[in-house]
């Protein structure tokens, strides 16, 4: 039987992701899957830019353009999903990266990655006791930036690691950190 906090976390996870999913769906309708041309390094750079902007806003205490911090975390989450989809397509040798994916297939892939991220979150919450609830938004940004730097190093190492998790694991962690930041900002 699930504890009350676990149920709340599951519901909060779903609510945060659903907002991101809606944005992803609308942007996919607007732009198609133009993001398929991105290589892992480009996706990492997109997340880096968003994380760096959040950190600058946090440190300066102000922002000059309208996009708020929550919007940046939503973008980070969606780029992490894109990174995971691209890795999956790349690993399975599914042809040209510029090839357009149908909307229904794209959303199915999105949902699969979110489901895997939620399962990972539930397993880690079991072991860590939802320690993330006591963390600051600043820490989530720092963790995301550190994960991006790790991904960039792994790319320079042609994806090879000696004892570390791979690129995919880091994208999943980034996705979940963004969810946690969104949950705690509501």
N, C-alpha and C. Protein backbone atom coordinates (compact mmCIF):
# COMPACT_ATOMS: atom_id res chain seq x y z
N UNK A 1 0.84 -1.18 0.00
CA UNK A 1 0.00 0.00 0.00
C UNK A 1 0.89 1.25 0.00
N UNK A 2 0.54 2.21 -0.85
CA UNK A 2 1.34 3.42 -0.98
C UNK A 2 1.07 4.38 0.18
N UNK A 3 2.13 5.06 0.59
CA UNK A 3 2.01 6.10 1.60
C UNK A 3 1.35 7.33 0.98
N UNK A 4 0.75 8.18 1.81
CA UNK A 4 0.07 9.38 1.32
C UNK A 4 1.03 10.27 0.53
N UNK A 5 2.26 10.45 1.05
CA UNK A 5 3.24 11.31 0.37
C UNK A 5 3.58 10.77 -1.02
N UNK A 6 3.69 9.43 -1.14
CA UNK A 6 3.99 8.82 -2.44
C UNK A 6 2.87 9.09 -3.44
N UNK A 7 1.64 8.98 -2.98
CA UNK A 7 0.49 9.24 -3.85
C UNK A 7 0.51 10.70 -4.29
N UNK A 8 0.76 11.61 -3.34
CA UNK A 8 0.83 13.03 -3.67
C UNK A 8 1.94 13.29 -4.68
N UNK A 9 3.08 12.65 -4.49
CA UNK A 9 4.20 12.84 -5.41
C UNK A 9 3.81 12.36 -6.80
N UNK A 10 3.18 11.21 -6.88
CA UNK A 10 2.74 10.70 -8.19
C UNK A 10 1.79 11.68 -8.86
N UNK A 11 0.84 12.21 -8.11
CA UNK A 11 -0.11 13.18 -8.68
C UNK A 11 0.59 14.48 -9.06
N UNK A 12 1.50 14.93 -8.22
CA UNK A 12 2.24 16.16 -8.51
C UNK A 12 3.14 15.97 -9.73
N UNK A 13 3.77 14.81 -9.83
CA UNK A 13 4.60 14.49 -10.99
C UNK A 13 3.74 14.57 -12.25
N UNK A 14 2.59 13.91 -12.23
CA UNK A 14 1.71 13.89 -13.39
C UNK A 14 1.24 15.30 -13.77
N UNK A 15 0.90 16.09 -12.77
CA UNK A 15 0.42 17.46 -13.04
C UNK A 15 1.53 18.30 -13.68
N UNK A 16 2.75 18.21 -13.14
CA UNK A 16 3.87 18.98 -13.70
C UNK A 16 4.17 18.54 -15.12
N UNK A 17 4.20 17.24 -15.34
CA UNK A 17 4.51 16.71 -16.66
C UNK A 17 3.41 17.04 -17.66
N UNK A 18 2.17 16.99 -17.23
CA UNK A 18 1.07 17.28 -18.16
C UNK A 18 1.16 18.70 -18.72
N UNK A 19 1.61 19.65 -17.92
CA UNK A 19 1.80 21.02 -18.42
C UNK A 19 2.90 21.05 -19.48
N UNK A 20 3.96 20.31 -19.23
CA UNK A 20 5.07 20.25 -20.19
C UNK A 20 4.65 19.51 -21.46
N UNK A 21 3.89 18.44 -21.28
CA UNK A 21 3.41 17.65 -22.41
C UNK A 21 2.52 18.49 -23.33
N UNK A 22 1.68 19.32 -22.73
CA UNK A 22 0.80 20.19 -23.51
C UNK A 22 1.62 21.16 -24.38
N UNK A 23 2.66 21.73 -23.79
CA UNK A 23 3.54 22.63 -24.55
C UNK A 23 4.23 21.86 -25.67
N UNK A 24 4.76 20.67 -25.35
CA UNK A 24 5.45 19.85 -26.33
C UNK A 24 4.50 19.49 -27.49
N UNK A 25 3.28 19.12 -27.16
CA UNK A 25 2.28 18.76 -28.17
C UNK A 25 2.01 19.95 -29.10
N UNK A 26 1.77 21.11 -28.52
CA UNK A 26 1.47 22.30 -29.33
C UNK A 26 2.66 22.71 -30.20
N UNK A 27 3.86 22.66 -29.63
CA UNK A 27 5.04 23.01 -30.42
C UNK A 27 5.28 21.99 -31.53
N UNK A 28 4.98 20.73 -31.27
CA UNK A 28 5.12 19.72 -32.31
C UNK A 28 4.11 19.96 -33.41
N UNK A 29 2.91 20.38 -33.05
CA UNK A 29 1.92 20.73 -34.08
C UNK A 29 2.38 21.94 -34.89
N UNK A 30 3.00 22.90 -34.23
CA UNK A 30 3.48 24.11 -34.91
C UNK A 30 4.71 23.84 -35.79
N UNK A 31 5.70 23.11 -35.22
CA UNK A 31 7.00 22.97 -35.87
C UNK A 31 7.29 21.58 -36.42
N UNK A 32 6.42 20.62 -36.13
CA UNK A 32 6.75 19.25 -36.49
C UNK A 32 7.88 18.76 -35.59
N UNK A 33 8.60 17.78 -36.06
CA UNK A 33 9.72 17.25 -35.26
C UNK A 33 11.05 17.76 -35.81
N UNK A 34 11.10 19.06 -36.02
CA UNK A 34 12.32 19.69 -36.52
C UNK A 34 13.51 19.44 -35.60
N UNK A 35 13.23 19.17 -34.32
CA UNK A 35 14.29 18.88 -33.35
C UNK A 35 15.04 17.59 -33.68
N UNK A 36 14.56 16.81 -34.60
CA UNK A 36 15.25 15.55 -34.94
C UNK A 36 16.63 15.80 -35.55
N UNK A 37 16.90 17.02 -36.00
CA UNK A 37 18.23 17.31 -36.53
C UNK A 37 19.26 17.50 -35.41
N UNK A 38 18.78 17.68 -34.17
CA UNK A 38 19.70 17.90 -33.05
C UNK A 38 20.50 16.64 -32.74
N UNK A 39 21.78 16.85 -32.54
CA UNK A 39 22.63 15.81 -31.98
C UNK A 39 22.61 15.97 -30.46
N UNK A 40 23.10 14.99 -29.76
CA UNK A 40 23.08 15.05 -28.29
C UNK A 40 23.75 16.31 -27.75
N UNK A 41 24.83 16.74 -28.38
CA UNK A 41 25.53 17.93 -27.92
C UNK A 41 24.66 19.18 -28.05
N UNK A 42 23.86 19.25 -29.10
CA UNK A 42 22.97 20.41 -29.29
C UNK A 42 21.86 20.42 -28.25
N UNK A 43 21.35 19.25 -27.94
CA UNK A 43 20.30 19.16 -26.91
C UNK A 43 20.89 19.54 -25.56
N UNK A 44 22.10 19.04 -25.28
CA UNK A 44 22.77 19.40 -24.03
C UNK A 44 22.98 20.91 -23.95
N UNK A 45 23.36 21.52 -25.07
CA UNK A 45 23.56 22.98 -25.08
C UNK A 45 22.26 23.74 -24.85
N UNK A 46 21.16 23.25 -25.40
CA UNK A 46 19.86 23.90 -25.17
C UNK A 46 19.51 23.86 -23.68
N UNK A 47 19.72 22.71 -23.06
CA UNK A 47 19.44 22.59 -21.62
C UNK A 47 20.40 23.47 -20.83
N UNK A 48 21.67 23.50 -21.24
CA UNK A 48 22.66 24.33 -20.57
C UNK A 48 22.25 25.81 -20.60
N UNK A 49 21.82 26.27 -21.76
CA UNK A 49 21.41 27.67 -21.90
C UNK A 49 20.27 27.99 -20.94
N UNK A 50 19.28 27.11 -20.87
CA UNK A 50 18.13 27.33 -19.99
C UNK A 50 18.55 27.29 -18.52
N UNK A 51 19.39 26.32 -18.17
CA UNK A 51 19.88 26.22 -16.80
C UNK A 51 20.72 27.43 -16.41
N UNK A 52 21.57 27.86 -17.32
CA UNK A 52 22.42 29.03 -17.07
C UNK A 52 21.56 30.29 -16.88
N UNK A 53 20.50 30.42 -17.68
CA UNK A 53 19.61 31.58 -17.54
C UNK A 53 18.93 31.57 -16.17
N UNK A 54 18.44 30.40 -15.76
CA UNK A 54 17.81 30.31 -14.44
C UNK A 54 18.80 30.72 -13.35
N UNK A 55 20.01 30.21 -13.44
CA UNK A 55 21.02 30.52 -12.43
C UNK A 55 21.33 32.02 -12.41
N UNK A 56 21.45 32.64 -13.58
CA UNK A 56 21.70 34.08 -13.65
C UNK A 56 20.57 34.87 -13.01
N UNK A 57 19.33 34.46 -13.29
CA UNK A 57 18.18 35.15 -12.68
C UNK A 57 18.20 34.98 -11.17
N UNK A 58 18.49 33.76 -10.71
CA UNK A 58 18.56 33.52 -9.26
C UNK A 58 19.63 34.38 -8.61
N UNK A 59 20.79 34.48 -9.25
CA UNK A 59 21.90 35.22 -8.65
C UNK A 59 21.69 36.73 -8.72
N UNK A 60 21.09 37.21 -9.81
CA UNK A 60 20.88 38.65 -9.96
C UNK A 60 19.59 39.13 -9.31
N UNK A 61 18.66 38.20 -9.06
CA UNK A 61 17.40 38.56 -8.43
C UNK A 61 16.44 39.29 -9.33
N UNK A 62 16.70 39.26 -10.63
CA UNK A 62 15.80 39.92 -11.58
C UNK A 62 15.99 39.32 -12.97
N UNK A 63 15.01 39.57 -13.81
CA UNK A 63 15.11 39.14 -15.20
C UNK A 63 14.63 40.26 -16.10
N UNK A 64 15.09 40.26 -17.35
CA UNK A 64 14.75 41.34 -18.27
C UNK A 64 13.84 40.90 -19.41
N UNK A 65 13.65 39.61 -19.60
CA UNK A 65 12.68 39.14 -20.59
C UNK A 65 11.60 38.36 -19.86
N UNK A 66 10.44 38.25 -20.49
CA UNK A 66 9.26 37.73 -19.81
C UNK A 66 9.31 36.27 -19.41
N UNK A 67 9.93 35.41 -20.16
CA UNK A 67 9.90 33.98 -19.86
C UNK A 67 10.36 33.75 -18.42
N UNK A 68 9.47 33.13 -17.62
CA UNK A 68 9.79 32.94 -16.21
C UNK A 68 10.59 31.66 -15.98
N UNK A 69 11.06 31.51 -14.75
CA UNK A 69 11.88 30.37 -14.39
C UNK A 69 11.12 29.06 -14.58
N UNK A 70 9.85 29.03 -14.19
CA UNK A 70 9.06 27.81 -14.38
C UNK A 70 9.02 27.41 -15.85
N UNK A 71 8.89 28.38 -16.74
CA UNK A 71 8.89 28.09 -18.17
C UNK A 71 10.21 27.49 -18.64
N UNK A 72 11.30 27.94 -18.03
CA UNK A 72 12.61 27.38 -18.37
C UNK A 72 12.73 25.94 -17.89
N UNK A 73 12.21 25.65 -16.69
CA UNK A 73 12.24 24.27 -16.21
C UNK A 73 11.38 23.36 -17.11
N UNK A 74 10.27 23.88 -17.59
CA UNK A 74 9.44 23.11 -18.52
C UNK A 74 10.21 22.83 -19.80
N UNK A 75 10.94 23.83 -20.28
CA UNK A 75 11.75 23.64 -21.48
C UNK A 75 12.86 22.62 -21.24
N UNK A 76 13.47 22.66 -20.07
CA UNK A 76 14.52 21.69 -19.73
C UNK A 76 13.94 20.28 -19.75
N UNK A 77 12.78 20.12 -19.15
CA UNK A 77 12.14 18.80 -19.14
C UNK A 77 11.90 18.32 -20.56
N UNK A 78 11.33 19.17 -21.39
CA UNK A 78 11.02 18.76 -22.76
C UNK A 78 12.28 18.48 -23.58
N UNK A 79 13.33 19.25 -23.38
CA UNK A 79 14.58 18.95 -24.08
C UNK A 79 15.19 17.64 -23.60
N UNK A 80 15.04 17.33 -22.31
CA UNK A 80 15.53 16.05 -21.81
C UNK A 80 14.79 14.89 -22.48
N UNK A 81 13.48 15.05 -22.66
CA UNK A 81 12.70 14.03 -23.37
C UNK A 81 13.19 13.91 -24.81
N UNK A 82 13.41 15.03 -25.46
CA UNK A 82 13.93 15.02 -26.83
C UNK A 82 15.28 14.28 -26.86
N UNK A 83 16.14 14.57 -25.90
CA UNK A 83 17.43 13.89 -25.84
C UNK A 83 17.27 12.38 -25.71
N UNK A 84 16.33 11.96 -24.89
CA UNK A 84 16.09 10.52 -24.70
C UNK A 84 15.52 9.89 -25.97
N UNK A 85 14.60 10.58 -26.62
CA UNK A 85 14.04 10.05 -27.87
C UNK A 85 15.14 9.94 -28.92
N UNK A 86 15.95 10.98 -29.05
CA UNK A 86 17.02 10.96 -30.05
C UNK A 86 18.02 9.83 -29.77
N UNK A 87 18.36 9.61 -28.51
CA UNK A 87 19.26 8.51 -28.18
C UNK A 87 18.66 7.17 -28.58
N UNK A 88 17.37 7.03 -28.34
CA UNK A 88 16.68 5.79 -28.67
C UNK A 88 16.65 5.57 -30.18
N UNK A 89 16.33 6.61 -30.91
CA UNK A 89 16.29 6.51 -32.37
C UNK A 89 17.69 6.23 -32.91
N UNK A 90 18.67 6.93 -32.37
CA UNK A 90 20.07 6.74 -32.80
C UNK A 90 20.53 5.33 -32.49
N UNK A 91 20.21 4.83 -31.28
CA UNK A 91 20.63 3.48 -30.90
C UNK A 91 20.02 2.41 -31.78
N UNK A 92 18.85 2.68 -32.29
CA UNK A 92 18.17 1.69 -33.12
C UNK A 92 18.35 1.94 -34.62
N UNK A 93 19.20 2.91 -34.94
CA UNK A 93 19.55 3.17 -36.34
C UNK A 93 18.37 3.47 -37.22
N UNK A 94 17.44 4.28 -36.71
CA UNK A 94 16.21 4.55 -37.46
C UNK A 94 16.37 5.65 -38.49
N UNK A 95 17.33 5.55 -39.33
CA UNK A 95 17.41 6.41 -40.50
C UNK A 95 17.84 7.84 -40.26
N UNK A 96 17.39 8.69 -41.15
CA UNK A 96 17.75 10.10 -41.23
C UNK A 96 17.18 10.86 -40.03
N UNK A 97 18.03 11.62 -39.34
CA UNK A 97 17.58 12.39 -38.19
C UNK A 97 16.64 13.53 -38.57
N UNK A 98 16.63 13.92 -39.82
CA UNK A 98 15.74 14.98 -40.27
C UNK A 98 14.36 14.48 -40.64
N UNK A 99 14.18 13.18 -40.62
CA UNK A 99 12.91 12.57 -41.01
C UNK A 99 11.81 12.97 -40.03
N UNK A 100 10.71 13.45 -40.56
CA UNK A 100 9.57 13.88 -39.74
C UNK A 100 8.87 12.67 -39.13
N UNK A 101 8.59 12.76 -37.84
CA UNK A 101 7.81 11.72 -37.17
C UNK A 101 6.35 12.16 -37.11
N UNK A 102 5.42 11.24 -37.30
CA UNK A 102 4.01 11.60 -37.14
C UNK A 102 3.72 12.03 -35.69
N UNK A 103 2.76 12.92 -35.52
CA UNK A 103 2.44 13.46 -34.21
C UNK A 103 2.08 12.35 -33.22
N UNK A 104 1.26 11.40 -33.62
CA UNK A 104 0.86 10.35 -32.69
C UNK A 104 2.04 9.49 -32.25
N UNK A 105 2.95 9.20 -33.16
CA UNK A 105 4.15 8.42 -32.82
C UNK A 105 5.06 9.23 -31.89
N UNK A 106 5.19 10.52 -32.18
CA UNK A 106 6.02 11.40 -31.36
C UNK A 106 5.50 11.45 -29.93
N UNK A 107 4.18 11.60 -29.78
CA UNK A 107 3.60 11.69 -28.44
C UNK A 107 3.69 10.34 -27.72
N UNK A 108 3.63 9.26 -28.46
CA UNK A 108 3.79 7.93 -27.85
C UNK A 108 5.21 7.79 -27.30
N UNK A 109 6.20 8.24 -28.07
CA UNK A 109 7.59 8.21 -27.60
C UNK A 109 7.77 9.10 -26.37
N UNK A 110 7.16 10.28 -26.40
CA UNK A 110 7.21 11.21 -25.28
C UNK A 110 6.67 10.53 -24.02
N UNK A 111 5.49 9.92 -24.15
CA UNK A 111 4.85 9.27 -23.01
C UNK A 111 5.68 8.10 -22.48
N UNK A 112 6.32 7.36 -23.37
CA UNK A 112 7.18 6.25 -22.93
C UNK A 112 8.34 6.75 -22.10
N UNK A 113 8.96 7.84 -22.52
CA UNK A 113 10.10 8.39 -21.78
C UNK A 113 9.65 8.94 -20.43
N UNK A 114 8.49 9.57 -20.40
CA UNK A 114 7.96 10.10 -19.14
C UNK A 114 7.64 8.95 -18.19
N UNK A 115 7.06 7.89 -18.70
CA UNK A 115 6.73 6.71 -17.87
C UNK A 115 8.01 6.13 -17.27
N UNK A 116 9.06 6.02 -18.05
CA UNK A 116 10.34 5.51 -17.54
C UNK A 116 10.91 6.45 -16.48
N UNK A 117 10.81 7.75 -16.72
CA UNK A 117 11.30 8.74 -15.75
C UNK A 117 10.52 8.65 -14.44
N UNK A 118 9.22 8.47 -14.55
CA UNK A 118 8.39 8.37 -13.34
C UNK A 118 8.74 7.12 -12.55
N UNK A 119 8.95 6.01 -13.23
CA UNK A 119 9.36 4.78 -12.55
C UNK A 119 10.69 4.97 -11.84
N UNK A 120 11.63 5.62 -12.50
CA UNK A 120 12.93 5.91 -11.89
C UNK A 120 12.74 6.79 -10.66
N UNK A 121 11.91 7.81 -10.78
CA UNK A 121 11.65 8.72 -9.67
C UNK A 121 11.05 7.95 -8.49
N UNK A 122 10.10 7.08 -8.76
CA UNK A 122 9.48 6.30 -7.67
C UNK A 122 10.51 5.41 -6.98
N UNK A 123 11.37 4.76 -7.75
CA UNK A 123 12.39 3.90 -7.16
C UNK A 123 13.39 4.70 -6.32
N UNK A 124 13.81 5.84 -6.85
CA UNK A 124 14.76 6.67 -6.10
C UNK A 124 14.10 7.27 -4.86
N UNK A 125 12.84 7.67 -4.98
CA UNK A 125 12.12 8.19 -3.81
C UNK A 125 12.03 7.14 -2.72
N UNK A 126 11.86 5.89 -3.10
CA UNK A 126 11.82 4.80 -2.12
C UNK A 126 13.13 4.75 -1.35
N UNK A 127 14.23 4.80 -2.08
CA UNK A 127 15.55 4.67 -1.45
C UNK A 127 16.00 5.94 -0.73
N UNK A 128 15.69 7.10 -1.29
CA UNK A 128 16.17 8.37 -0.73
C UNK A 128 15.15 9.05 0.18
N UNK A 129 13.95 8.51 0.27
CA UNK A 129 12.95 9.10 1.15
C UNK A 129 12.51 10.49 0.74
N UNK A 130 12.45 10.75 -0.55
CA UNK A 130 12.02 12.06 -1.07
C UNK A 130 12.83 13.21 -0.49
N UNK A 131 14.14 13.01 -0.39
CA UNK A 131 15.03 14.06 0.11
C UNK A 131 14.93 15.33 -0.73
N UNK A 132 14.56 15.21 -1.99
CA UNK A 132 14.44 16.37 -2.89
C UNK A 132 13.47 17.41 -2.36
N UNK A 133 12.52 17.00 -1.54
CA UNK A 133 11.54 17.97 -1.01
C UNK A 133 12.19 19.00 -0.10
N UNK A 134 13.37 18.69 0.43
CA UNK A 134 14.08 19.62 1.31
C UNK A 134 15.17 20.39 0.58
N UNK A 135 15.23 20.23 -0.73
CA UNK A 135 16.26 20.90 -1.52
C UNK A 135 15.76 22.25 -2.05
N UNK A 136 16.71 23.08 -2.42
CA UNK A 136 16.38 24.40 -2.97
C UNK A 136 16.31 24.33 -4.50
N UNK A 137 15.61 25.29 -5.06
CA UNK A 137 15.55 25.41 -6.52
C UNK A 137 16.96 25.64 -7.08
N UNK A 138 17.77 26.36 -6.33
CA UNK A 138 19.15 26.61 -6.76
C UNK A 138 19.92 25.29 -6.91
N UNK A 139 19.69 24.36 -5.99
CA UNK A 139 20.37 23.07 -6.07
C UNK A 139 19.95 22.29 -7.30
N UNK A 140 18.67 22.35 -7.64
CA UNK A 140 18.21 21.64 -8.84
C UNK A 140 18.90 22.19 -10.09
N UNK A 141 19.04 23.51 -10.15
CA UNK A 141 19.73 24.12 -11.29
C UNK A 141 21.19 23.68 -11.32
N UNK A 142 21.85 23.69 -10.18
CA UNK A 142 23.25 23.26 -10.13
C UNK A 142 23.40 21.80 -10.55
N UNK A 143 22.49 20.95 -10.08
CA UNK A 143 22.54 19.53 -10.45
C UNK A 143 22.31 19.34 -11.95
N UNK A 144 21.37 20.10 -12.50
CA UNK A 144 21.11 20.02 -13.94
C UNK A 144 22.34 20.46 -14.73
N UNK A 145 22.95 21.56 -14.32
CA UNK A 145 24.14 22.04 -15.02
C UNK A 145 25.28 21.04 -14.91
N UNK A 146 25.44 20.41 -13.74
CA UNK A 146 26.49 19.40 -13.57
C UNK A 146 26.23 18.20 -14.48
N UNK A 147 24.97 17.78 -14.56
CA UNK A 147 24.63 16.65 -15.44
C UNK A 147 24.92 17.00 -16.89
N UNK A 148 24.65 18.22 -17.29
CA UNK A 148 24.93 18.65 -18.67
C UNK A 148 26.43 18.61 -18.94
N UNK A 149 27.22 19.10 -18.00
CA UNK A 149 28.67 19.05 -18.18
C UNK A 149 29.16 17.61 -18.27
N UNK A 150 28.54 16.72 -17.52
CA UNK A 150 28.89 15.30 -17.62
C UNK A 150 28.55 14.75 -19.00
N UNK A 151 27.36 15.10 -19.49
CA UNK A 151 26.95 14.64 -20.83
C UNK A 151 27.93 15.13 -21.87
N UNK A 152 28.32 16.40 -21.78
CA UNK A 152 29.27 16.95 -22.75
C UNK A 152 30.61 16.21 -22.71
N UNK A 153 31.05 15.87 -21.50
CA UNK A 153 32.30 15.12 -21.38
C UNK A 153 32.14 13.71 -21.98
N UNK A 154 31.03 13.08 -21.72
CA UNK A 154 30.79 11.75 -22.29
C UNK A 154 30.75 11.79 -23.82
N UNK A 155 30.17 12.85 -24.36
CA UNK A 155 30.14 13.00 -25.82
C UNK A 155 31.57 13.13 -26.35
N UNK A 156 32.40 13.93 -25.66
CA UNK A 156 33.80 14.04 -26.05
C UNK A 156 34.51 12.69 -25.97
N UNK A 157 34.05 11.85 -25.04
CA UNK A 157 34.62 10.50 -24.88
C UNK A 157 33.90 9.48 -25.77
N UNK A 158 33.16 9.97 -26.73
CA UNK A 158 32.41 9.12 -27.67
C UNK A 158 31.44 8.19 -26.96
N UNK A 159 30.85 8.67 -25.85
CA UNK A 159 29.84 7.92 -25.12
C UNK A 159 30.39 6.86 -24.19
N UNK A 160 31.69 6.71 -24.14
CA UNK A 160 32.30 5.67 -23.32
C UNK A 160 32.54 6.19 -21.90
N UNK A 161 32.20 5.36 -20.93
CA UNK A 161 32.48 5.67 -19.54
C UNK A 161 33.16 4.47 -18.90
N UNK A 162 33.93 4.72 -17.86
CA UNK A 162 34.62 3.63 -17.16
C UNK A 162 33.74 3.05 -16.03
N UNK A 163 33.19 3.94 -15.22
CA UNK A 163 32.38 3.49 -14.10
C UNK A 163 31.08 4.28 -13.94
N UNK A 164 30.85 5.24 -14.81
CA UNK A 164 29.73 6.17 -14.65
C UNK A 164 28.53 5.75 -15.47
N UNK A 165 27.38 6.28 -15.05
CA UNK A 165 26.16 6.11 -15.84
C UNK A 165 26.35 6.78 -17.18
N UNK A 166 25.58 6.37 -18.16
CA UNK A 166 25.71 6.93 -19.49
C UNK A 166 24.88 8.20 -19.68
N UNK A 167 24.86 8.65 -20.91
CA UNK A 167 24.14 9.87 -21.28
C UNK A 167 22.66 9.75 -20.96
N UNK A 168 22.08 8.60 -21.28
CA UNK A 168 20.65 8.39 -21.06
C UNK A 168 20.27 8.61 -19.58
N UNK A 169 21.03 8.04 -18.68
CA UNK A 169 20.76 8.18 -17.24
C UNK A 169 20.80 9.64 -16.81
N UNK A 170 21.73 10.39 -17.38
CA UNK A 170 21.84 11.80 -17.03
C UNK A 170 20.65 12.60 -17.55
N UNK A 171 20.17 12.28 -18.77
CA UNK A 171 18.95 12.95 -19.27
C UNK A 171 17.75 12.63 -18.38
N UNK A 172 17.65 11.38 -17.91
CA UNK A 172 16.55 11.03 -17.01
C UNK A 172 16.65 11.81 -15.70
N UNK A 173 17.84 11.93 -15.15
CA UNK A 173 18.00 12.70 -13.91
C UNK A 173 17.63 14.16 -14.13
N UNK A 174 18.06 14.73 -15.24
CA UNK A 174 17.71 16.12 -15.55
C UNK A 174 16.20 16.28 -15.63
N UNK A 175 15.54 15.37 -16.31
CA UNK A 175 14.09 15.41 -16.43
C UNK A 175 13.45 15.42 -15.04
N UNK A 176 13.88 14.51 -14.17
CA UNK A 176 13.28 14.43 -12.84
C UNK A 176 13.63 15.64 -11.97
N UNK A 177 14.83 16.19 -12.10
CA UNK A 177 15.15 17.41 -11.36
C UNK A 177 14.23 18.56 -11.79
N UNK A 178 13.96 18.63 -13.08
CA UNK A 178 13.05 19.68 -13.57
C UNK A 178 11.64 19.48 -13.00
N UNK A 179 11.19 18.23 -12.94
CA UNK A 179 9.88 17.95 -12.34
C UNK A 179 9.87 18.39 -10.89
N UNK A 180 10.90 18.04 -10.15
CA UNK A 180 10.96 18.41 -8.73
C UNK A 180 10.91 19.93 -8.56
N UNK A 181 11.67 20.64 -9.38
CA UNK A 181 11.68 22.11 -9.30
C UNK A 181 10.29 22.66 -9.60
N UNK A 182 9.60 22.09 -10.58
CA UNK A 182 8.25 22.53 -10.91
C UNK A 182 7.27 22.24 -9.78
N UNK A 183 7.38 21.05 -9.20
CA UNK A 183 6.49 20.70 -8.07
C UNK A 183 6.70 21.67 -6.91
N UNK A 184 7.93 21.94 -6.58
CA UNK A 184 8.21 22.80 -5.42
C UNK A 184 7.94 24.27 -5.70
N UNK A 185 7.81 24.65 -6.96
CA UNK A 185 7.53 26.06 -7.28
C UNK A 185 6.03 26.35 -7.32
N UNK A 186 5.21 25.32 -7.23
CA UNK A 186 3.75 25.54 -7.21
C UNK A 186 3.24 25.82 -5.82
